[in-house]
Amino acid sequence: MERILVLLVFVVSVTAFRPNPKFPKEETDLIKKAVSCGAHEDRRNEIISRSKCGEPKEVFVELKPQSSYMKVKPSAVWVRRCVGLCDHGPDGSRCIGINKTIEHIPVRISNLKTLKETCATYPVEVHLTCGCGCDVATRECPSPRIFNPRKCNCQCPNMKERRNCLKQRNPVMRWNPSKCTCERRRG
C-alpha cells in the first residue's frame, strides 16, 4: 500500500511540473527575438511607413439603410478614407480627413414591407487629403468642460481648483471630472 501511495505522489508531482502546450514556458515563446535588429529594420520601417496617416486609403464602408425595413444594394462599397497612426500629434489626435467631398453612389433600395424596389443615390463621404487632428465630435464638450485643442480632449477650465482638491489628499473629498468640482465622496 505504501508503494502505491509513493508511486501516486510521484506521478502527480511529475505531471504537475510538465509544461502545458497551451501556455508558453517563457516570454521568448511568444515573441521570437531577432539576433540583430538590423536584419528586420527595413521591414519594420516599411510597416511603420504604411501605417502612418498620409494619403487616403481604400476602405470598405457599410451603406446603412435609413430604417430597419429597408435594404440597400450594394450594402457596402470601397471608399477613400483617412486611416493610420498619428504618433506625432497630440494625445487623442486621429487621422482625419482635412479636405472631403460627398460622392453619390447609385444604389437600389428595397422596402421589405411593400416589396417595392427603387433606384436612388447614397451620399458617402470621400476624403481627399489627410492630417492628424481632433475629430469634430470631440470638439463639443458638455458644460462646464471646454475643448483643449493641444490635448485633443475635453477638460475642466478650473485646473487650479483640481490641483488644490487633489493636493489635499483628503479621503472624504474627491475631484469630479464631469462636474469640474471638488465634492464629498458618497458614503
C-alpha atoms as a PDB file:
ATOM      1  CA  MET A   1       0.000   0.000   0.000  1.00  0.00           C
ATOM      2  CA  GLU A   2       2.854   2.323   0.866  1.00  0.00           C
ATOM      3  CA  ARG A   3       4.484   1.729  -2.538  1.00  0.00           C
ATOM      4  CA  ILE A   4       1.242   2.600  -4.334  1.00  0.00           C
ATOM      5  CA  LEU A   5       0.939   5.826  -2.365  1.00  0.00           C
ATOM      6  CA  VAL A   6       4.563   6.799  -3.128  1.00  0.00           C
ATOM      7  CA  LEU A   7       4.026   5.960  -6.806  1.00  0.00           C
ATOM      8  CA  LEU A   8       0.832   8.053  -6.881  1.00  0.00           C
ATOM      9  CA  VAL A   9       2.591  11.057  -5.292  1.00  0.00           C
ATOM     10  CA  PHE A  10       5.439  10.711  -7.791  1.00  0.00           C
ATOM     11  CA  VAL A  11       3.080  10.589 -10.799  1.00  0.00           C
ATOM     12  CA  VAL A  12       1.099  13.610  -9.568  1.00  0.00           C
ATOM     13  CA  SER A  13       4.236  15.687  -8.934  1.00  0.00           C
ATOM     14  CA  VAL A  14       5.742  14.830 -12.340  1.00  0.00           C
ATOM     15  CA  THR A  15       2.555  15.737 -14.232  1.00  0.00           C
ATOM     16  CA  ALA A  16       2.165  18.948 -12.236  1.00  0.00           C
ATOM     17  CA  PHE A  17       5.553  20.236 -13.402  1.00  0.00           C
ATOM     18  CA  ARG A  18       5.170  19.184 -17.036  1.00  0.00           C
ATOM     19  CA  PRO A  19       4.774  22.273 -19.243  1.00  0.00           C
ATOM     20  CA  ASN A  20       1.313  22.736 -20.692  1.00  0.00           C
ATOM     21  CA  PRO A  21       1.452  23.190 -24.503  1.00  0.00           C
ATOM     22  CA  LYS A  22      -1.389  25.745 -24.332  1.00  0.00           C
ATOM     23  CA  PHE A  23       0.736  28.093 -22.225  1.00  0.00           C
ATOM     24  CA  PRO A  24       4.219  29.164 -23.313  1.00  0.00           C
ATOM     25  CA  LYS A  25       7.110  28.486 -20.974  1.00  0.00           C
ATOM     26  CA  GLU A  26       8.676  31.878 -21.319  1.00  0.00           C
ATOM     27  CA  GLU A  27       8.130  35.217 -22.984  1.00  0.00           C
ATOM     28  CA  THR A  28      10.522  34.130 -25.733  1.00  0.00           C
ATOM     29  CA  ASP A  29       7.954  31.573 -26.874  1.00  0.00           C
ATOM     30  CA  LEU A  30       5.539  34.430 -27.643  1.00  0.00           C
ATOM     31  CA  ILE A  31       7.949  36.777 -29.400  1.00  0.00           C
ATOM     32  CA  LYS A  32      10.810  35.494 -31.474  1.00  0.00           C
ATOM     33  CA  LYS A  33      13.775  37.664 -30.698  1.00  0.00           C
ATOM     34  CA  ALA A  34      15.982  38.634 -33.593  1.00  0.00           C
ATOM     35  CA  VAL A  35      19.700  38.129 -33.314  1.00  0.00           C
ATOM     36  CA  SER A  36      20.262  41.615 -34.713  1.00  0.00           C
ATOM     37  CA  CYS A  37      17.719  44.400 -35.154  1.00  0.00           C
ATOM     38  CA  GLY A  38      19.335  45.381 -38.452  1.00  0.00           C
ATOM     39  CA  ALA A  39      18.003  42.273 -40.166  1.00  0.00           C
ATOM     40  CA  HIS A  40      14.412  43.370 -39.534  1.00  0.00           C
ATOM     41  CA  GLU A  41      14.899  47.143 -39.606  1.00  0.00           C
ATOM     42  CA  ASP A  42      13.847  47.610 -43.259  1.00  0.00           C
ATOM     43  CA  ARG A  43      10.686  45.552 -42.804  1.00  0.00           C
ATOM     44  CA  ARG A  44       9.809  47.358 -39.547  1.00  0.00           C
ATOM     45  CA  ASN A  45      10.321  50.768 -41.174  1.00  0.00           C
ATOM     46  CA  GLU A  46       8.148  49.725 -44.129  1.00  0.00           C
ATOM     47  CA  ILE A  47       5.328  48.686 -41.774  1.00  0.00           C
ATOM     48  CA  ILE A  48       5.588  51.949 -39.816  1.00  0.00           C
ATOM     49  CA  SER A  49       5.620  53.978 -43.029  1.00  0.00           C
ATOM     50  CA  ARG A  50       2.499  52.252 -44.373  1.00  0.00           C
ATOM     51  CA  SER A  51       0.711  52.668 -41.012  1.00  0.00           C
ATOM     52  CA  LYS A  52       1.179  56.440 -40.772  1.00  0.00           C
ATOM     53  CA  CYS A  53      -1.535  58.930 -41.542  1.00  0.00           C
ATOM     54  CA  GLY A  54      -0.843  60.139 -45.050  1.00  0.00           C
ATOM     55  CA  GLU A  55      -2.729  59.639 -48.283  1.00  0.00           C
ATOM     56  CA  PRO A  56      -6.338  58.386 -48.118  1.00  0.00           C
ATOM     57  CA  LYS A  57      -6.614  54.607 -48.416  1.00  0.00           C
ATOM     58  CA  GLU A  58      -9.384  52.452 -49.871  1.00  0.00           C
ATOM     59  CA  VAL A  59     -11.577  51.146 -47.030  1.00  0.00           C
ATOM     60  CA  PHE A  60     -14.800  49.174 -47.070  1.00  0.00           C
ATOM     61  CA  VAL A  61     -17.718  51.322 -45.845  1.00  0.00           C
ATOM     62  CA  GLU A  62     -21.123  49.918 -44.968  1.00  0.00           C
ATOM     63  CA  LEU A  63     -24.131  51.664 -46.523  1.00  0.00           C
ATOM     64  CA  LYS A  64     -26.691  51.658 -43.735  1.00  0.00           C
ATOM     65  CA  PRO A  65     -30.385  51.819 -44.595  1.00  0.00           C
ATOM     66  CA  GLN A  66     -32.457  54.616 -43.080  1.00  0.00           C
ATOM     67  CA  SER A  67     -34.874  52.193 -41.415  1.00  0.00           C
ATOM     68  CA  SER A  68     -34.956  48.582 -40.310  1.00  0.00           C
ATOM     69  CA  TYR A  69     -37.359  47.522 -43.069  1.00  0.00           C
ATOM     70  CA  MET A  70     -35.161  48.901 -45.869  1.00  0.00           C
ATOM     71  CA  LYS A  71     -32.341  47.068 -47.622  1.00  0.00           C
ATOM     72  CA  VAL A  72     -29.610  48.803 -49.640  1.00  0.00           C
ATOM     73  CA  LYS A  73     -27.766  47.100 -52.518  1.00  0.00           C
ATOM     74  CA  PRO A  74     -24.823  47.194 -52.558  1.00  0.00           C
ATOM     75  CA  SER A  75     -24.673  47.079 -48.765  1.00  0.00           C
ATOM     76  CA  ALA A  76     -21.029  48.258 -48.715  1.00  0.00           C
ATOM     77  CA  VAL A  77     -18.566  49.995 -51.069  1.00  0.00           C
ATOM     78  CA  TRP A  78     -14.849  50.815 -51.286  1.00  0.00           C
ATOM     79  CA  VAL A  79     -14.199  54.496 -50.464  1.00  0.00           C
ATOM     80  CA  ARG A  80     -11.027  56.563 -49.954  1.00  0.00           C
ATOM     81  CA  ARG A  81     -10.757  57.439 -46.251  1.00  0.00           C
ATOM     82  CA  CYS A  82      -8.102  58.677 -43.881  1.00  0.00           C
ATOM     83  CA  VAL A  83      -6.772  55.931 -41.635  1.00  0.00           C
ATOM     84  CA  GLY A  84      -3.453  55.494 -39.894  1.00  0.00           C
ATOM     85  CA  LEU A  85      -1.328  56.379 -36.900  1.00  0.00           C
ATOM     86  CA  CYS A  86      -0.737  59.889 -35.610  1.00  0.00           C
ATOM     87  CA  ASP A  87       2.319  59.400 -33.419  1.00  0.00           C
ATOM     88  CA  HIS A  88       3.500  62.988 -33.804  1.00  0.00           C
ATOM     89  CA  GLY A  89       0.139  64.641 -32.972  1.00  0.00           C
ATOM     90  CA  PRO A  90      -1.235  65.431 -29.522  1.00  0.00           C
ATOM     91  CA  ASP A  91      -2.715  62.635 -27.417  1.00  0.00           C
ATOM     92  CA  GLY A  92      -6.153  61.830 -28.719  1.00  0.00           C
ATOM     93  CA  SER A  93      -5.420  63.058 -32.239  1.00  0.00           C
ATOM     94  CA  ARG A  94      -6.575  60.838 -35.053  1.00  0.00           C
ATOM     95  CA  CYS A  95      -6.029  60.548 -38.765  1.00  0.00           C
ATOM     96  CA  ILE A  96      -8.882  62.663 -40.129  1.00  0.00           C
ATOM     97  CA  GLY A  97      -9.991  63.950 -43.493  1.00  0.00           C
ATOM     98  CA  ILE A  98      -8.863  67.552 -43.995  1.00  0.00           C
ATOM     99  CA  ASN A  99     -10.453  68.014 -47.420  1.00  0.00           C
ATOM    100  CA  LYS A 100     -13.593  65.981 -48.046  1.00  0.00           C
ATOM    101  CA  THR A 101     -16.252  65.623 -50.682  1.00  0.00           C
ATOM    102  CA  ILE A 102     -19.522  63.748 -50.981  1.00  0.00           C
ATOM    103  CA  GLU A 103     -19.809  61.075 -53.653  1.00  0.00           C
ATOM    104  CA  HIS A 104     -23.284  59.844 -54.562  1.00  0.00           C
ATOM    105  CA  ILE A 105     -23.249  56.065 -55.008  1.00  0.00           C
ATOM    106  CA  PRO A 106     -26.040  54.591 -57.184  1.00  0.00           C
ATOM    107  CA  VAL A 107     -27.965  52.006 -55.141  1.00  0.00           C
ATOM    108  CA  ARG A 108     -31.181  50.017 -55.129  1.00  0.00           C
ATOM    109  CA  ILE A 109     -33.350  50.371 -52.073  1.00  0.00           C
ATOM    110  CA  SER A 110     -35.764  47.563 -51.283  1.00  0.00           C
ATOM    111  CA  ASN A 111     -38.692  48.175 -48.978  1.00  0.00           C
ATOM    112  CA  LEU A 112     -39.180  44.872 -47.176  1.00  0.00           C
ATOM    113  CA  LYS A 113     -42.746  45.823 -46.107  1.00  0.00           C
ATOM    114  CA  THR A 114     -44.125  46.744 -49.525  1.00  0.00           C
ATOM    115  CA  LEU A 115     -41.640  44.629 -51.531  1.00  0.00           C
ATOM    116  CA  LYS A 116     -41.032  47.607 -53.827  1.00  0.00           C
ATOM    117  CA  GLU A 117     -37.608  48.495 -55.149  1.00  0.00           C
ATOM    118  CA  THR A 118     -36.407  51.962 -56.134  1.00  0.00           C
ATOM    119  CA  CYS A 119     -33.226  53.363 -57.599  1.00  0.00           C
ATOM    120  CA  ALA A 120     -31.504  56.127 -55.654  1.00  0.00           C
ATOM    121  CA  THR A 121     -28.118  57.544 -54.746  1.00  0.00           C
ATOM    122  CA  TYR A 122     -26.462  57.145 -51.370  1.00  0.00           C
ATOM    123  CA  PRO A 123     -24.201  60.006 -50.172  1.00  0.00           C
ATOM    124  CA  VAL A 124     -20.789  58.785 -48.999  1.00  0.00           C
ATOM    125  CA  GLU A 125     -18.027  60.957 -47.567  1.00  0.00           C
ATOM    126  CA  VAL A 126     -14.763  60.656 -49.514  1.00  0.00           C
ATOM    127  CA  HIS A 127     -11.500  62.032 -48.127  1.00  0.00           C
ATOM    128  CA  LEU A 128      -9.173  63.891 -50.475  1.00  0.00           C
ATOM    129  CA  THR A 129      -6.353  64.797 -48.067  1.00  0.00           C
ATOM    130  CA  CYS A 130      -5.497  63.601 -44.561  1.00  0.00           C
ATOM    131  CA  GLY A 131      -3.916  65.031 -41.463  1.00  0.00           C
ATOM    132  CA  CYS A 132      -3.583  64.409 -37.757  1.00  0.00           C
ATOM    133  CA  GLY A 133      -6.069  66.328 -35.689  1.00  0.00           C
ATOM    134  CA  CYS A 134      -9.061  66.203 -33.446  1.00  0.00           C
ATOM    135  CA  ASP A 135     -12.305  64.661 -34.530  1.00  0.00           C
ATOM    136  CA  VAL A 136     -15.221  67.107 -34.747  1.00  0.00           C
ATOM    137  CA  ALA A 137     -17.207  65.013 -32.263  1.00  0.00           C
ATOM    138  CA  THR A 138     -14.605  65.599 -29.534  1.00  0.00           C
ATOM    139  CA  ARG A 139     -14.697  69.392 -30.021  1.00  0.00           C
ATOM    140  CA  GLU A 140     -18.150  69.659 -28.484  1.00  0.00           C
ATOM    141  CA  CYS A 141     -17.823  69.267 -24.731  1.00  0.00           C
ATOM    142  CA  PRO A 142     -20.605  69.054 -22.149  1.00  0.00           C
ATOM    143  CA  SER A 143     -20.700  72.061 -19.838  1.00  0.00           C
ATOM    144  CA  PRO A 144     -18.735  73.046 -17.748  1.00  0.00           C
ATOM    145  CA  ARG A 145     -15.908  71.296 -19.619  1.00  0.00           C
ATOM    146  CA  ILE A 146     -14.154  73.015 -22.541  1.00  0.00           C
ATOM    147  CA  PHE A 147     -12.233  71.679 -25.519  1.00  0.00           C
ATOM    148  CA  ASN A 148      -8.426  71.773 -25.269  1.00  0.00           C
ATOM    149  CA  PRO A 149      -7.000  71.665 -28.829  1.00  0.00           C
ATOM    150  CA  ARG A 150      -3.462  70.964 -27.587  1.00  0.00           C
ATOM    151  CA  LYS A 151      -4.576  67.747 -25.891  1.00  0.00           C
ATOM    152  CA  CYS A 152      -7.453  66.997 -28.261  1.00  0.00           C
ATOM    153  CA  ASN A 153      -9.971  66.388 -25.490  1.00  0.00           C
ATOM    154  CA  CYS A 154     -12.474  67.988 -23.111  1.00  0.00           C
ATOM    155  CA  GLN A 155     -11.102  69.338 -19.844  1.00  0.00           C
ATOM    156  CA  CYS A 156     -12.175  71.343 -16.838  1.00  0.00           C
ATOM    157  CA  PRO A 157     -11.310  75.050 -17.148  1.00  0.00           C
ATOM    158  CA  ASN A 158     -10.560  75.353 -13.409  1.00  0.00           C
ATOM    159  CA  MET A 159      -7.365  73.299 -13.251  1.00  0.00           C
ATOM    160  CA  LYS A 160      -6.159  75.249 -10.200  1.00  0.00           C
ATOM    161  CA  GLU A 161      -9.181  74.035  -8.209  1.00  0.00           C
ATOM    162  CA  ARG A 162      -8.498  70.488  -9.385  1.00  0.00           C
ATOM    163  CA  ARG A 163      -4.866  70.659  -8.241  1.00  0.00           C
ATOM    164  CA  ASN A 164      -5.929  72.047  -4.838  1.00  0.00           C
ATOM    165  CA  CYS A 165      -8.527  69.289  -4.418  1.00  0.00           C
ATOM    166  CA  LEU A 166      -6.036  66.542  -5.264  1.00  0.00           C
ATOM    167  CA  LYS A 167      -3.278  68.165  -3.201  1.00  0.00           C
ATOM    168  CA  GLN A 168      -5.395  67.910  -0.028  1.00  0.00           C
ATOM    169  CA  ARG A 169      -5.359  64.094  -0.219  1.00  0.00           C
ATOM    170  CA  ASN A 170      -8.497  64.171   1.858  1.00  0.00           C
ATOM    171  CA  PRO A 171     -10.140  60.715   1.892  1.00  0.00           C
ATOM    172  CA  VAL A 172     -13.577  62.346   2.256  1.00  0.00           C
ATOM    173  CA  MET A 173     -13.236  64.608  -0.817  1.00  0.00           C
ATOM    174  CA  ARG A 174     -12.697  63.734  -4.472  1.00  0.00           C
ATOM    175  CA  TRP A 175     -12.411  65.559  -7.814  1.00  0.00           C
ATOM    176  CA  ASN A 176     -15.405  65.032 -10.113  1.00  0.00           C
ATOM    177  CA  PRO A 177     -14.113  65.493 -13.696  1.00  0.00           C
ATOM    178  CA  SER A 178     -17.588  65.616 -15.260  1.00  0.00           C
ATOM    179  CA  LYS A 179     -18.818  68.427 -12.957  1.00  0.00           C
ATOM    180  CA  CYS A 180     -15.371  70.062 -12.556  1.00  0.00           C
ATOM    181  CA  THR A 181     -15.839  70.334  -8.785  1.00  0.00           C
ATOM    182  CA  CYS A 182     -14.284  69.038  -5.604  1.00  0.00           C
ATOM    183  CA  GLU A 183     -17.037  67.109  -3.838  1.00  0.00           C
ATOM    184  CA  ARG A 184     -17.721  64.769  -0.952  1.00  0.00           C
ATOM    185  CA  ARG A 185     -17.337  61.084  -1.641  1.00  0.00           C
ATOM    186  CA  ARG A 186     -20.509  59.073  -1.427  1.00  0.00           C
ATOM    187  CA  GLY A 187     -20.635  57.093   1.779  1.00  0.00           C
END
